[in-house]
Amino acid sequence: MVGRYVLTNMAKNKIYKGKIILESLEDQNLVSKMQILDTEVTSHQTIHTILISKSEIENLMSYIKQGPWYAHFWHGNEVSVIFRDKIFKLLHNRPESWRETIGYGISIGIPRKQLDFPINQ
């Protein structure tokens, strides 16, 4: 899979902020090509806050590992949640718009409490 992922470097295209868990990626070297804003290291995982364009979000989808992994990205109140094989769009301030995404996440083994999609502006 190395080499299939191409990131644009134009800052104006980087309109989504997002959270991605390093361990969720099949190729962890991808992170070195991303604009990282913040990194949080816990005892179990490394969470990067990044800037990314809409097209990069769609490309990143194929690099999410199979199984209980996802990443989420937001622009204002609009949130895109990506799994290996699905992308969901929701409105952060409308929890009822989260139902399908949460249901899918639970169906692939993600605990409900981890499907909270935090955003910070």
C-alpha atoms as a PDB file:
ATOM      1  CA  MET A   1       0.000   0.000   0.000  1.00  0.00           C
ATOM      2  CA  VAL A   2       2.950   2.340   0.343  1.00  0.00           C
ATOM      3  CA  GLY A   3       3.066   4.944  -2.384  1.00  0.00           C
ATOM      4  CA  ARG A   4      -0.654   4.988  -3.253  1.00  0.00           C
ATOM      5  CA  TYR A   5      -1.383   7.806  -0.850  1.00  0.00           C
ATOM      6  CA  VAL A   6      -0.616  11.282  -2.126  1.00  0.00           C
ATOM      7  CA  LEU A   7      -1.156  14.327   0.044  1.00  0.00           C
ATOM      8  CA  THR A   8      -1.506  17.821  -1.289  1.00  0.00           C
ATOM      9  CA  ASN A   9       0.643  20.422   0.417  1.00  0.00           C
ATOM     10  CA  MET A  10      -1.524  23.410  -0.340  1.00  0.00           C
ATOM     11  CA  ALA A  11      -2.626  24.825   3.006  1.00  0.00           C
ATOM     12  CA  LYS A  12      -5.806  26.254   1.469  1.00  0.00           C
ATOM     13  CA  ASN A  13      -7.004  22.692   0.749  1.00  0.00           C
ATOM     14  CA  LYS A  14      -6.559  21.672   4.387  1.00  0.00           C
ATOM     15  CA  ILE A  15      -9.930  22.724   5.689  1.00  0.00           C
ATOM     16  CA  TYR A  16     -10.893  19.837   7.982  1.00  0.00           C
ATOM     17  CA  LYS A  17      -9.493  19.312  11.439  1.00  0.00           C
ATOM     18  CA  GLY A  18      -9.441  15.743  12.653  1.00  0.00           C
ATOM     19  CA  LYS A  19      -8.386  13.076  15.079  1.00  0.00           C
ATOM     20  CA  ILE A  20      -6.636   9.941  13.949  1.00  0.00           C
ATOM     21  CA  ILE A  21      -5.173   7.157  16.050  1.00  0.00           C
ATOM     22  CA  LEU A  22      -1.742   6.233  14.763  1.00  0.00           C
ATOM     23  CA  GLU A  23      -2.264   2.552  15.540  1.00  0.00           C
ATOM     24  CA  SER A  24      -5.411   2.535  13.351  1.00  0.00           C
ATOM     25  CA  LEU A  25      -3.364   3.025  10.170  1.00  0.00           C
ATOM     26  CA  GLU A  26      -1.993   0.198   8.055  1.00  0.00           C
ATOM     27  CA  ASP A  27       0.919   2.462   7.100  1.00  0.00           C
ATOM     28  CA  GLN A  28       1.872   4.606  10.086  1.00  0.00           C
ATOM     29  CA  ASN A  29       4.378   6.538   7.952  1.00  0.00           C
ATOM     30  CA  LEU A  30       1.426   8.400   6.407  1.00  0.00           C
ATOM     31  CA  VAL A  31       1.332  10.639   9.455  1.00  0.00           C
ATOM     32  CA  SER A  32       4.703  12.127   8.527  1.00  0.00           C
ATOM     33  CA  LYS A  33       3.052  13.546   5.381  1.00  0.00           C
ATOM     34  CA  MET A  34       0.211  15.193   7.315  1.00  0.00           C
ATOM     35  CA  GLN A  35       0.014  18.581   8.954  1.00  0.00           C
ATOM     36  CA  ILE A  36      -0.021  17.632  12.648  1.00  0.00           C
ATOM     37  CA  LEU A  37      -1.416  20.218  15.079  1.00  0.00           C
ATOM     38  CA  ASP A  38      -1.198  18.223  18.290  1.00  0.00           C
ATOM     39  CA  THR A  39      -0.279  14.763  19.556  1.00  0.00           C
ATOM     40  CA  GLU A  40      -1.596  13.007  22.637  1.00  0.00           C
ATOM     41  CA  VAL A  41       0.160   9.826  23.784  1.00  0.00           C
ATOM     42  CA  THR A  42      -1.658   7.516  26.171  1.00  0.00           C
ATOM     43  CA  SER A  43      -0.610   4.157  27.535  1.00  0.00           C
ATOM     44  CA  HIS A  44      -2.521   2.455  24.682  1.00  0.00           C
ATOM     45  CA  GLN A  45      -2.376   4.755  21.667  1.00  0.00           C
ATOM     46  CA  THR A  46      -1.124   7.887  19.949  1.00  0.00           C
ATOM     47  CA  ILE A  47      -3.799  10.360  18.842  1.00  0.00           C
ATOM     48  CA  HIS A  48      -2.866  13.026  16.303  1.00  0.00           C
ATOM     49  CA  THR A  49      -4.934  16.123  15.609  1.00  0.00           C
ATOM     50  CA  ILE A  50      -4.372  16.993  11.955  1.00  0.00           C
ATOM     51  CA  LEU A  51      -5.519  19.286   9.153  1.00  0.00           C
ATOM     52  CA  ILE A  52      -6.692  17.539   6.000  1.00  0.00           C
ATOM     53  CA  SER A  53      -8.652  18.277   2.805  1.00  0.00           C
ATOM     54  CA  LYS A  54     -11.895  16.580   1.803  1.00  0.00           C
ATOM     55  CA  SER A  55     -10.192  14.539  -0.935  1.00  0.00           C
ATOM     56  CA  GLU A  56      -7.485  13.424   1.497  1.00  0.00           C
ATOM     57  CA  ILE A  57     -10.189  12.191   3.883  1.00  0.00           C
ATOM     58  CA  GLU A  58     -11.586   9.970   1.131  1.00  0.00           C
ATOM     59  CA  ASN A  59      -8.091   8.678   0.244  1.00  0.00           C
ATOM     60  CA  LEU A  60      -7.259   7.977   3.893  1.00  0.00           C
ATOM     61  CA  MET A  61     -10.203   5.623   4.188  1.00  0.00           C
ATOM     62  CA  SER A  62      -8.327   2.765   2.495  1.00  0.00           C
ATOM     63  CA  TYR A  63      -5.537   3.029   5.082  1.00  0.00           C
ATOM     64  CA  ILE A  64      -7.742   2.526   8.137  1.00  0.00           C
ATOM     65  CA  LYS A  65      -7.228  -1.008   9.453  1.00  0.00           C
ATOM     66  CA  GLN A  66     -10.051  -3.529   9.230  1.00  0.00           C
ATOM     67  CA  GLY A  67     -11.848  -3.972  12.509  1.00  0.00           C
ATOM     68  CA  PRO A  68     -12.791  -1.609  15.304  1.00  0.00           C
ATOM     69  CA  TRP A  69     -11.094   1.561  14.014  1.00  0.00           C
ATOM     70  CA  TYR A  70     -12.281   4.928  12.750  1.00  0.00           C
ATOM     71  CA  ALA A  71     -11.110   8.507  12.363  1.00  0.00           C
ATOM     72  CA  HIS A  72     -13.209  11.643  12.381  1.00  0.00           C
ATOM     73  CA  PHE A  73     -12.790  15.074  10.856  1.00  0.00           C
ATOM     74  CA  TRP A  74     -14.801  18.261  11.188  1.00  0.00           C
ATOM     75  CA  HIS A  75     -15.331  21.654   9.663  1.00  0.00           C
ATOM     76  CA  GLY A  76     -17.476  23.739  11.946  1.00  0.00           C
ATOM     77  CA  ASN A  77     -20.459  21.597  12.908  1.00  0.00           C
ATOM     78  CA  GLU A  78     -20.099  19.162   9.981  1.00  0.00           C
ATOM     79  CA  VAL A  79     -18.371  15.905  10.904  1.00  0.00           C
ATOM     80  CA  SER A  80     -17.106  13.119   8.624  1.00  0.00           C
ATOM     81  CA  VAL A  81     -16.508   9.775  10.327  1.00  0.00           C
ATOM     82  CA  ILE A  82     -14.463   7.303   8.294  1.00  0.00           C
ATOM     83  CA  PHE A  83     -14.177   3.583   8.749  1.00  0.00           C
ATOM     84  CA  ARG A  84     -12.279   1.221   6.439  1.00  0.00           C
ATOM     85  CA  ASP A  85     -15.316   0.699   4.217  1.00  0.00           C
ATOM     86  CA  LYS A  86     -17.752   3.525   5.023  1.00  0.00           C
ATOM     87  CA  ILE A  87     -17.927   7.277   5.446  1.00  0.00           C
ATOM     88  CA  PHE A  88     -20.680   8.862   7.514  1.00  0.00           C
ATOM     89  CA  LYS A  89     -21.598  12.554   7.578  1.00  0.00           C
ATOM     90  CA  LEU A  90     -23.255  13.996  10.659  1.00  0.00           C
ATOM     91  CA  LEU A  91     -23.943  17.279  12.411  1.00  0.00           C
ATOM     92  CA  HIS A  92     -22.196  17.518  15.741  1.00  0.00           C
ATOM     93  CA  ASN A  93     -24.920  19.609  17.354  1.00  0.00           C
ATOM     94  CA  ARG A  94     -27.631  17.121  16.298  1.00  0.00           C
ATOM     95  CA  PRO A  95     -26.986  13.866  18.206  1.00  0.00           C
ATOM     96  CA  GLU A  96     -29.915  12.238  16.396  1.00  0.00           C
ATOM     97  CA  SER A  97     -27.798  12.443  13.205  1.00  0.00           C
ATOM     98  CA  TRP A  98     -25.211  10.198  14.912  1.00  0.00           C
ATOM     99  CA  ARG A  99     -27.461   7.109  15.222  1.00  0.00           C
ATOM    100  CA  GLU A 100     -26.452   5.306  12.029  1.00  0.00           C
ATOM    101  CA  THR A 101     -22.754   5.992  12.626  1.00  0.00           C
ATOM    102  CA  ILE A 102     -22.914   4.777  16.210  1.00  0.00           C
ATOM    103  CA  GLY A 103     -24.859   1.673  15.176  1.00  0.00           C
ATOM    104  CA  TYR A 104     -22.270   0.825  12.557  1.00  0.00           C
ATOM    105  CA  GLY A 105     -19.366   1.415  14.959  1.00  0.00           C
ATOM    106  CA  ILE A 106     -20.922  -0.877  17.550  1.00  0.00           C
ATOM    107  CA  SER A 107     -21.541  -3.524  14.870  1.00  0.00           C
ATOM    108  CA  ILE A 108     -17.796  -3.707  14.118  1.00  0.00           C
ATOM    109  CA  GLY A 109     -16.785  -3.921  17.770  1.00  0.00           C
ATOM    110  CA  ILE A 110     -16.196  -0.329  18.875  1.00  0.00           C
ATOM    111  CA  PRO A 111     -17.479   0.310  22.412  1.00  0.00           C
ATOM    112  CA  ARG A 112     -20.303   2.881  22.527  1.00  0.00           C
ATOM    113  CA  LYS A 113     -18.337   5.177  24.851  1.00  0.00           C
ATOM    114  CA  GLN A 114     -15.615   5.537  22.183  1.00  0.00           C
ATOM    115  CA  LEU A 115     -18.115   6.776  19.582  1.00  0.00           C
ATOM    116  CA  ASP A 116     -18.342  10.314  20.944  1.00  0.00           C
ATOM    117  CA  PHE A 117     -16.698  12.227  18.035  1.00  0.00           C
ATOM    118  CA  PRO A 118     -15.197  15.102  20.061  1.00  0.00           C
ATOM    119  CA  ILE A 119     -14.473  18.323  18.214  1.00  0.00           C
ATOM    120  CA  ASN A 120     -12.663  21.423  19.291  1.00  0.00           C
ATOM    121  CA  GLN A 121     -12.592  24.531  17.178  1.00  0.00           C
END
